[in-house]
Protein backbone atom coordinates (compact mmCIF):
# COMPACT_ATOMS: atom_id res chain seq x y z
CA MET A 1 -54.73 -30.75 -10.71
CA THR A 2 -53.93 -27.73 -8.54
CA GLY A 3 -56.88 -25.40 -8.06
CA PRO A 4 -56.81 -21.64 -8.75
CA ALA A 5 -57.14 -20.81 -5.06
CA VAL A 6 -53.98 -22.78 -4.23
CA VAL A 7 -52.08 -21.05 -7.03
CA ILE A 8 -53.20 -17.65 -5.75
CA VAL A 9 -52.09 -18.49 -2.22
CA ALA A 10 -48.74 -19.77 -3.53
CA THR A 11 -48.32 -16.56 -5.53
CA LEU A 12 -48.95 -14.42 -2.45
CA ILE A 13 -46.59 -16.50 -0.33
CA GLY A 14 -43.94 -16.26 -3.04
CA ALA A 15 -44.33 -12.49 -3.20
CA ALA A 16 -44.01 -12.27 0.59
CA TRP A 17 -40.86 -14.41 0.52
CA GLY A 18 -39.48 -12.22 -2.26
CA PHE A 19 -40.04 -9.14 -0.13
CA ALA A 20 -38.46 -10.85 2.87
CA SER A 21 -35.49 -11.95 0.74
CA ASP A 22 -34.91 -8.37 -0.37
CA ARG A 23 -34.90 -7.23 3.24
CA ILE A 24 -32.49 -10.04 4.13
CA ALA A 25 -30.18 -9.03 1.28
CA ALA A 26 -30.29 -5.41 2.46
CA ARG A 27 -28.63 -6.53 5.72
CA TRP A 28 -26.88 -9.85 5.04
CA PRO A 29 -24.11 -10.51 4.33
CA VAL A 30 -23.05 -7.40 6.23
CA HIS A 31 -22.30 -4.57 3.82
CA GLU A 32 -18.78 -3.20 3.80
CA ASP A 33 -20.01 0.24 4.84
CA GLY A 34 -22.30 -1.22 7.48
CA ALA A 35 -25.37 0.35 5.88
CA ASN A 36 -28.77 -1.30 5.54
CA ARG A 37 -30.33 -0.50 2.18
CA ALA A 38 -33.77 1.03 2.21
CA ILE A 39 -36.62 -0.26 0.03
CA ASP A 40 -35.94 0.62 -3.60
CA TRP A 41 -36.55 -0.70 -7.12
CA ARG A 42 -35.05 -4.09 -6.21
CA THR A 43 -37.75 -4.75 -3.62
CA PRO A 44 -40.75 -5.08 -5.97
CA LEU A 45 -38.59 -6.86 -8.55
CA VAL A 46 -37.64 -9.62 -6.10
CA ALA A 47 -41.26 -9.81 -4.92
CA ILE A 48 -42.42 -10.29 -8.53
CA VAL A 49 -39.87 -13.06 -9.11
CA GLY A 50 -40.98 -14.68 -5.86
CA ALA A 51 -44.65 -14.48 -6.83
CA ALA A 52 -44.04 -16.03 -10.25
CA SER A 53 -41.90 -18.77 -8.72
CA GLY A 54 -44.56 -19.62 -6.15
CA ALA A 55 -47.23 -19.98 -8.81
CA LEU A 56 -45.03 -22.08 -11.11
CA LEU A 57 -43.85 -24.25 -8.23
CA VAL A 58 -47.32 -25.28 -7.09
CA GLU A 59 -48.56 -25.69 -10.66
CA ARG A 60 -45.70 -28.01 -11.57
CA PHE A 61 -45.05 -29.97 -8.38
CA GLY A 62 -48.14 -29.45 -6.22
CA GLY A 63 -49.30 -33.03 -6.88
CA ASN A 64 -46.18 -34.68 -5.47
CA ALA A 65 -45.38 -33.88 -1.83
CA GLY A 66 -41.75 -35.03 -1.96
CA GLN A 67 -40.89 -33.16 -5.14
CA PHE A 68 -42.82 -30.11 -3.99
CA ALA A 69 -40.84 -29.97 -0.73
CA LEU A 70 -37.53 -30.46 -2.53
CA MET A 71 -38.16 -27.88 -5.22
CA GLY A 72 -39.71 -25.52 -2.69
CA VAL A 73 -36.49 -25.44 -0.67
CA PHE A 74 -34.44 -25.01 -3.84
CA VAL A 75 -36.62 -22.16 -5.11
CA LEU A 76 -36.66 -20.39 -1.73
CA ALA A 77 -32.87 -20.46 -1.78
CA LEU A 78 -32.74 -19.21 -5.37
CA ILE A 79 -34.89 -16.21 -4.49
CA VAL A 80 -32.56 -15.26 -1.63
CA LEU A 81 -29.61 -15.62 -4.00
CA PHE A 82 -31.41 -13.47 -6.58
CA ALA A 83 -31.86 -10.76 -3.95
CA THR A 84 -28.29 -10.88 -2.63
CA ASP A 85 -26.79 -10.75 -6.12
CA LEU A 86 -28.94 -7.76 -7.02
CA ASP A 87 -27.90 -6.03 -3.81
CA GLN A 88 -24.24 -6.99 -3.42
CA ARG A 89 -23.24 -8.89 -6.59
CA LEU A 90 -22.72 -11.88 -4.37
CA LEU A 91 -23.95 -15.47 -4.24
CA PRO A 92 -22.95 -16.63 -0.73
CA ASP A 93 -21.24 -20.01 -0.35
CA VAL A 94 -23.40 -20.69 2.68
CA ILE A 95 -26.31 -21.11 0.26
CA THR A 96 -24.71 -22.36 -2.96
CA TYR A 97 -22.80 -25.25 -1.37
CA PRO A 98 -25.83 -26.71 0.47
CA LEU A 99 -27.80 -26.62 -2.79
CA VAL A 100 -25.24 -28.99 -4.31
CA ALA A 101 -25.72 -31.33 -1.33
CA LEU A 102 -29.51 -30.99 -1.60
CA ALA A 103 -29.45 -32.12 -5.24
CA LEU A 104 -27.41 -35.21 -4.31
CA VAL A 105 -29.61 -36.04 -1.31
CA ALA A 106 -32.70 -35.71 -3.52
CA PHE A 107 -31.25 -38.28 -5.91
CA ALA A 108 -30.31 -40.62 -3.06
CA LEU A 109 -33.84 -40.43 -1.65
CA GLY A 110 -35.43 -40.89 -5.06
CA ILE A 111 -37.42 -37.66 -4.95
CA GLY A 112 -35.54 -35.74 -7.63
CA PRO A 113 -37.97 -34.92 -10.44
CA PHE A 114 -35.45 -34.93 -13.29
CA VAL A 115 -32.49 -37.25 -12.58
CA HIS A 116 -33.67 -40.79 -11.81
CA ASP A 117 -30.90 -43.36 -12.24
CA PRO A 118 -27.10 -43.60 -11.94
CA THR A 119 -26.60 -43.15 -15.68
CA GLU A 120 -28.59 -39.92 -15.68
CA LEU A 121 -26.72 -38.79 -12.57
CA GLY A 122 -23.44 -39.42 -14.37
CA PHE A 123 -24.49 -37.25 -17.29
CA ALA A 124 -25.82 -34.62 -14.88
CA ALA A 125 -22.54 -34.60 -12.93
CA ALA A 126 -20.51 -34.29 -16.14
CA ALA A 127 -22.63 -31.33 -17.24
CA ALA A 128 -22.60 -29.78 -13.76
CA VAL A 129 -18.80 -29.73 -13.82
CA GLY A 130 -18.14 -29.32 -17.54
CA MET A 131 -20.45 -26.42 -18.38
CA PRO A 132 -19.31 -24.15 -15.51
CA LEU A 133 -15.68 -24.99 -16.32
CA PHE A 134 -16.24 -24.13 -19.97
CA LEU A 135 -17.84 -20.79 -19.00
CA TYR A 136 -14.96 -20.03 -16.67
CA LEU A 137 -12.38 -20.72 -19.36
CA LEU A 138 -14.42 -18.68 -21.83
CA SER A 139 -14.46 -15.72 -19.42
CA ILE A 140 -10.69 -15.59 -18.80
CA PRO A 141 -9.87 -13.28 -21.75
CA PHE A 142 -12.42 -10.77 -20.45
CA GLY A 143 -10.64 -10.38 -17.12
CA ALA A 144 -11.50 -11.07 -13.49
CA GLY A 145 -15.16 -10.69 -12.68
CA ALA A 146 -16.48 -11.56 -16.13
CA ILE A 147 -18.30 -14.40 -14.43
CA GLY A 148 -18.43 -14.89 -10.68
CA LEU A 149 -17.35 -18.03 -8.87
CA GLY A 150 -20.72 -17.96 -7.11
CA ASP A 151 -22.41 -18.23 -10.50
CA LEU A 152 -20.34 -21.30 -11.31
CA LYS A 153 -21.10 -22.96 -7.96
CA LEU A 154 -24.81 -22.37 -8.48
CA LEU A 155 -24.62 -23.98 -11.91
CA VAL A 156 -23.25 -27.16 -10.32
CA SER A 157 -26.38 -27.58 -8.20
CA VAL A 158 -28.69 -26.75 -11.12
CA GLY A 159 -26.93 -29.33 -13.27
CA LEU A 160 -27.06 -32.06 -10.63
CA LEU A 161 -30.73 -31.40 -9.92
CA GLY A 162 -32.05 -30.68 -13.40
CA GLY A 163 -29.70 -32.65 -15.64
CA PRO A 164 -27.74 -31.52 -18.71
CA LEU A 165 -30.65 -30.32 -20.85
CA ARG A 166 -32.20 -28.09 -18.21
CA LEU A 167 -28.80 -26.72 -17.26
CA LEU A 168 -28.08 -25.83 -20.88
CA LEU A 169 -31.51 -24.34 -21.48
CA GLY A 170 -31.30 -22.44 -18.21
CA LEU A 171 -28.02 -20.91 -19.38
CA ILE A 172 -29.53 -19.99 -22.73
CA GLY A 173 -32.65 -18.59 -21.07
CA GLY A 174 -30.54 -16.56 -18.64
CA ALA A 175 -28.49 -15.13 -21.50
CA LEU A 176 -31.65 -14.15 -23.40
CA PHE A 177 -33.27 -12.58 -20.32
CA GLY A 178 -30.05 -10.68 -19.68
CA ALA A 179 -29.75 -9.44 -23.25
CA LEU A 180 -33.36 -8.24 -23.24
CA ALA A 181 -32.93 -6.45 -19.90
CA ILE A 182 -29.72 -4.77 -21.05
CA VAL A 183 -31.34 -3.54 -24.27
CA VAL A 184 -34.25 -2.08 -22.29
CA LEU A 185 -31.96 -0.43 -19.72
CA ILE A 186 -29.80 1.08 -22.45
CA ALA A 187 -32.91 2.36 -24.25
CA LEU A 188 -34.06 3.95 -20.98
CA ARG A 189 -30.56 5.38 -20.49
CA ARG A 190 -30.18 3.70 -17.13
CA ILE A 191 -26.90 2.07 -18.16
CA THR A 192 -24.34 2.36 -20.96
CA LEU A 193 -22.46 -0.24 -22.97
CA ARG A 194 -19.60 0.12 -20.48
CA SER A 195 -21.74 -0.49 -17.39
CA TYR A 196 -21.17 -3.64 -15.37
CA VAL A 197 -24.30 -5.77 -15.16
CA PRO A 198 -24.19 -8.85 -12.88
CA TYR A 199 -25.07 -12.08 -14.64
CA GLY A 200 -26.22 -13.94 -11.53
CA PRO A 201 -29.81 -12.63 -11.41
CA PHE A 202 -30.39 -13.56 -15.06
CA LEU A 203 -28.78 -16.94 -14.50
CA ILE A 204 -31.15 -17.57 -11.60
CA VAL A 205 -34.22 -16.54 -13.59
CA GLY A 206 -33.09 -18.83 -16.42
CA ALA A 207 -32.57 -21.70 -14.00
CA MET A 208 -36.01 -21.26 -12.44
CA TRP A 209 -37.59 -21.13 -15.89
CA ALA A 210 -35.84 -24.36 -16.87
CA LEU A 211 -36.69 -26.15 -13.63
CA LEU A 212 -40.26 -24.96 -13.16
CA SER A 213 -41.63 -24.36 -16.64
CA LEU A 214 -40.09 -26.77 -19.13
CA ALA A 215 -42.07 -29.91 -19.85
CA ASP A 216 -40.52 -33.30 -19.18
CA THR A 217 -38.62 -34.73 -22.14
């Protein structure tokens, strides 16, 4: 059982990493206009996501060093991706591709917390390819940009690491988080029904919820 003090420390570290990720995203990848974004509303939002992720990570995996290290790396990367997508509507390949490799290495080393045998890996691989492909085909009538290729690449790693159920529930959770946020933003008159809202941040929050919060089935 992880003690409250450890959870508090993990929360603070997560918040600090969220802040750092926002500052990274403000500079990298290099913006087209060469500008470095100042601290704004995105900064505390990424810090909050980082804090929540740190607490959930240590609560869920703090008792297993191998799984904690694996999921820690995955979550750190997800927070950076969350920040870059908020800032530039971009999920860089230099992060999404290694996450796919990390999921496969975790299985090979036997430290993956969700996919344990070749049969489960086969189902996970089928879902990791099939669900993103289905979303891509579904988005075609809505035109280019309806869903980003970076989103699809991220889904592959989530599927390989978490398996079909967590991938599906992460997608559903991301859609619900997104719908709620859009309703609130419209009510506050920050956006309109015609405004473009990137899906990546909601997808990442849904993935983290599925990987860090859902009980084993």
